[in-house]
N, C-alpha and C. Protein backbone atom coordinates (compact mmCIF):
# COMPACT_ATOMS: atom_id res chain seq x y z
N UNK A 1 128.91 124.80 130.15
CA UNK A 1 127.44 125.40 131.51
C UNK A 1 126.48 124.10 130.72
N UNK A 2 126.09 124.37 130.05
CA UNK A 2 125.05 123.97 129.21
C UNK A 2 124.68 122.67 129.77
N UNK A 3 125.74 121.79 129.17
CA UNK A 3 125.45 120.35 129.83
C UNK A 3 125.72 120.05 130.89
N UNK A 4 126.29 120.83 131.86
CA UNK A 4 126.04 120.52 133.25
C UNK A 4 124.88 120.54 133.96
N UNK A 5 124.22 121.79 132.92
CA UNK A 5 122.86 122.49 134.19
C UNK A 5 122.22 121.49 133.72
N UNK A 6 122.09 120.75 132.46
CA UNK A 6 121.20 119.79 131.99
C UNK A 6 121.72 117.86 132.71
N UNK A 7 122.88 117.90 132.94
CA UNK A 7 123.00 116.96 133.70
C UNK A 7 122.54 116.37 135.03
N UNK A 8 123.37 118.03 135.63
CA UNK A 8 122.38 117.86 136.77
C UNK A 8 121.31 117.85 136.96
N UNK A 9 120.16 118.02 136.67
CA UNK A 9 119.59 118.06 135.86
C UNK A 9 118.55 116.90 135.57
N UNK A 10 119.17 116.41 135.11
CA UNK A 10 118.84 114.88 134.87
C UNK A 10 119.28 114.44 136.21
N UNK A 11 120.26 114.39 136.53
CA UNK A 11 120.28 113.45 138.11
C UNK A 11 119.36 113.84 139.38
N UNK A 12 118.89 114.62 139.48
CA UNK A 12 118.02 115.71 140.80
C UNK A 12 117.00 116.58 140.03
N UNK A 13 115.45 115.93 139.98
CA UNK A 13 114.89 117.58 139.87
C UNK A 13 115.31 118.93 139.96
N UNK A 14 116.23 119.43 140.15
CA UNK A 14 115.78 121.09 140.65
C UNK A 14 117.55 122.01 140.82
N UNK A 15 118.21 120.73 140.42
CA UNK A 15 119.75 120.46 140.30
C UNK A 15 120.09 121.75 139.78
N UNK A 16 119.76 121.16 138.50
CA UNK A 16 120.03 122.53 136.75
C UNK A 16 119.26 124.24 137.35
N UNK A 17 118.66 123.66 138.29
CA UNK A 17 118.38 125.53 138.47
C UNK A 17 118.87 125.98 139.61
N UNK A 18 120.31 125.10 140.27
CA UNK A 18 120.60 125.77 141.74
C UNK A 18 122.26 125.70 141.09
N UNK A 19 121.73 125.06 140.17
CA UNK A 19 123.61 125.91 139.30
C UNK A 19 123.41 127.23 138.18
N UNK A 20 122.70 126.99 137.98
CA UNK A 20 121.59 128.00 137.51
C UNK A 20 121.88 129.74 138.74
N UNK A 21 121.40 129.40 139.36
CA UNK A 21 121.40 130.16 140.39
C UNK A 21 119.89 130.77 140.61
N UNK A 22 118.86 129.41 140.03
CA UNK A 22 117.80 130.14 140.71
C UNK A 22 116.86 129.52 141.70
N UNK A 23 117.15 129.95 142.68
CA UNK A 23 117.01 128.96 144.41
C UNK A 23 115.50 128.84 143.79
N UNK A 24 114.14 129.73 143.92
CA UNK A 24 113.80 129.01 144.40
C UNK A 24 112.78 128.58 143.17
N UNK A 25 113.10 128.26 142.48
CA UNK A 25 112.73 128.09 140.86
C UNK A 25 112.93 126.27 141.23
N UNK A 26 114.47 125.50 142.36
CA UNK A 26 114.97 124.90 141.92
C UNK A 26 114.29 123.69 143.13
N UNK A 27 113.79 124.94 144.01
CA UNK A 27 113.32 124.08 145.33
C UNK A 27 111.29 123.62 144.90
N UNK A 28 111.03 124.83 144.47
CA UNK A 28 109.69 124.70 143.54
C UNK A 28 109.77 123.34 142.88
N UNK A 29 110.68 122.58 142.55
CA UNK A 29 110.56 122.32 141.45
C UNK A 29 111.03 120.09 142.14
N UNK A 30 112.22 120.63 143.34
CA UNK A 30 112.06 119.52 144.14
C UNK A 30 110.96 119.13 144.89
N UNK A 31 110.49 119.98 145.50
CA UNK A 31 108.96 119.62 146.04
C UNK A 31 108.47 119.01 144.71
N UNK A 32 108.09 120.01 143.67
CA UNK A 32 106.60 119.48 143.16
C UNK A 32 106.88 117.45 142.51
N UNK A 33 108.27 117.41 142.28
CA UNK A 33 108.85 116.62 142.00
C UNK A 33 108.96 115.34 142.80
N UNK A 34 108.81 115.53 143.44
CA UNK A 34 108.93 115.01 144.69
C UNK A 34 107.71 114.53 145.53
N UNK A 35 106.88 115.53 145.68
CA UNK A 35 105.56 114.99 145.84
C UNK A 35 104.30 114.49 144.57
N UNK A 36 105.17 114.47 143.40
CA UNK A 36 103.86 114.31 142.52
C UNK A 36 104.82 113.08 142.22
N UNK A 37 105.41 112.62 142.32
CA UNK A 37 106.31 110.81 142.45
C UNK A 37 105.57 110.48 142.45
N UNK A 38 104.77 110.26 144.06
CA UNK A 38 104.67 109.22 144.54
C UNK A 38 102.66 109.37 143.84
N UNK A 39 102.17 109.99 142.49
CA UNK A 39 101.06 109.67 141.90
C UNK A 39 101.22 109.68 140.25
N UNK A 40 102.79 109.35 140.54
CA UNK A 40 103.38 108.36 139.47
C UNK A 40 103.35 109.76 138.22
N UNK A 41 103.82 111.24 138.50
CA UNK A 41 103.50 112.69 138.01
C UNK A 41 104.24 113.09 138.26
N UNK A 42 105.40 112.57 138.48
CA UNK A 42 106.75 113.08 139.25
C UNK A 42 107.94 113.52 137.52
N UNK A 43 107.60 112.56 136.69
CA UNK A 43 108.40 112.35 135.73
C UNK A 43 107.82 113.72 134.91
N UNK A 44 106.81 114.83 134.90
CA UNK A 44 106.45 115.38 133.86
C UNK A 44 107.03 117.17 134.39
N UNK A 45 107.21 117.26 136.11
CA UNK A 45 108.13 118.12 136.61
C UNK A 45 109.13 117.29 136.18
N UNK A 46 109.47 116.35 136.15
CA UNK A 46 111.69 115.89 136.21
C UNK A 46 111.78 116.26 134.52
N UNK A 47 110.74 115.79 133.53
CA UNK A 47 110.82 116.77 132.25
C UNK A 47 110.96 118.02 131.77
N UNK A 48 109.71 118.82 132.61
CA UNK A 48 110.02 120.69 132.70
C UNK A 48 111.11 120.83 133.21
N UNK A 49 111.72 120.64 134.47
CA UNK A 49 113.09 120.54 135.11
C UNK A 49 114.10 120.99 134.23
N UNK A 50 114.49 119.65 133.62
CA UNK A 50 115.54 119.24 132.55
C UNK A 50 115.30 120.47 131.97
N UNK A 51 113.94 120.39 131.21
CA UNK A 51 113.95 121.73 130.03
C UNK A 51 114.92 123.10 130.02
N UNK A 52 114.35 123.23 131.48
CA UNK A 52 114.45 124.67 131.89
C UNK A 52 116.27 125.07 132.72
N UNK A 53 116.20 124.07 132.82
CA UNK A 53 117.29 123.97 133.19
C UNK A 53 118.86 123.91 131.97
N UNK A 54 118.41 124.00 130.74
CA UNK A 54 119.02 123.07 129.67
C UNK A 54 118.77 125.30 128.91
N UNK A 55 117.80 125.12 129.13
CA UNK A 55 117.32 126.77 127.83
C UNK A 55 117.88 128.05 129.18
N UNK A 56 118.11 128.14 130.25
CA UNK A 56 118.04 128.88 131.13
C UNK A 56 119.66 129.17 130.68
N UNK A 57 120.63 127.79 131.11
CA UNK A 57 122.29 128.10 130.60
C UNK A 57 122.62 128.07 129.60
N UNK A 58 121.54 128.30 128.46
CA UNK A 58 121.53 128.32 127.00
C UNK A 58 121.36 129.57 125.99
N UNK A 59 120.39 130.58 126.96
CA UNK A 59 120.71 132.06 127.98
C UNK A 59 122.04 132.83 128.33
N UNK A 60 121.92 131.95 129.04
CA UNK A 60 122.91 132.82 129.84
C UNK A 60 124.49 132.62 129.10
N UNK A 61 124.58 131.45 128.18
CA UNK A 61 126.20 131.49 127.52
C UNK A 61 126.39 132.18 126.36
N UNK A 62 124.66 132.75 125.75
CA UNK A 62 124.36 133.81 124.56
C UNK A 62 125.54 132.75 123.90
N UNK A 63 124.71 131.71 123.73
CA UNK A 63 125.21 130.93 122.64
C UNK A 63 124.30 130.65 121.87
N UNK A 64 124.61 130.22 119.78
CA UNK A 64 123.29 130.33 118.99
C UNK A 64 123.08 128.67 118.82
């Protein structure tokens, strides 16, 4: 589950959050990522979304 969330987030910022059923957070990452790519800061949002998706999925699975 963690790997899927991270891979989805690598493909497109916010998809990992949708996979984790965090609809609002996913939508925010998609919008922020899209808007900030125009000023070359979108990679920051993409990285935060990637880490967040993995962490939330890891927490939900109870992995150590």
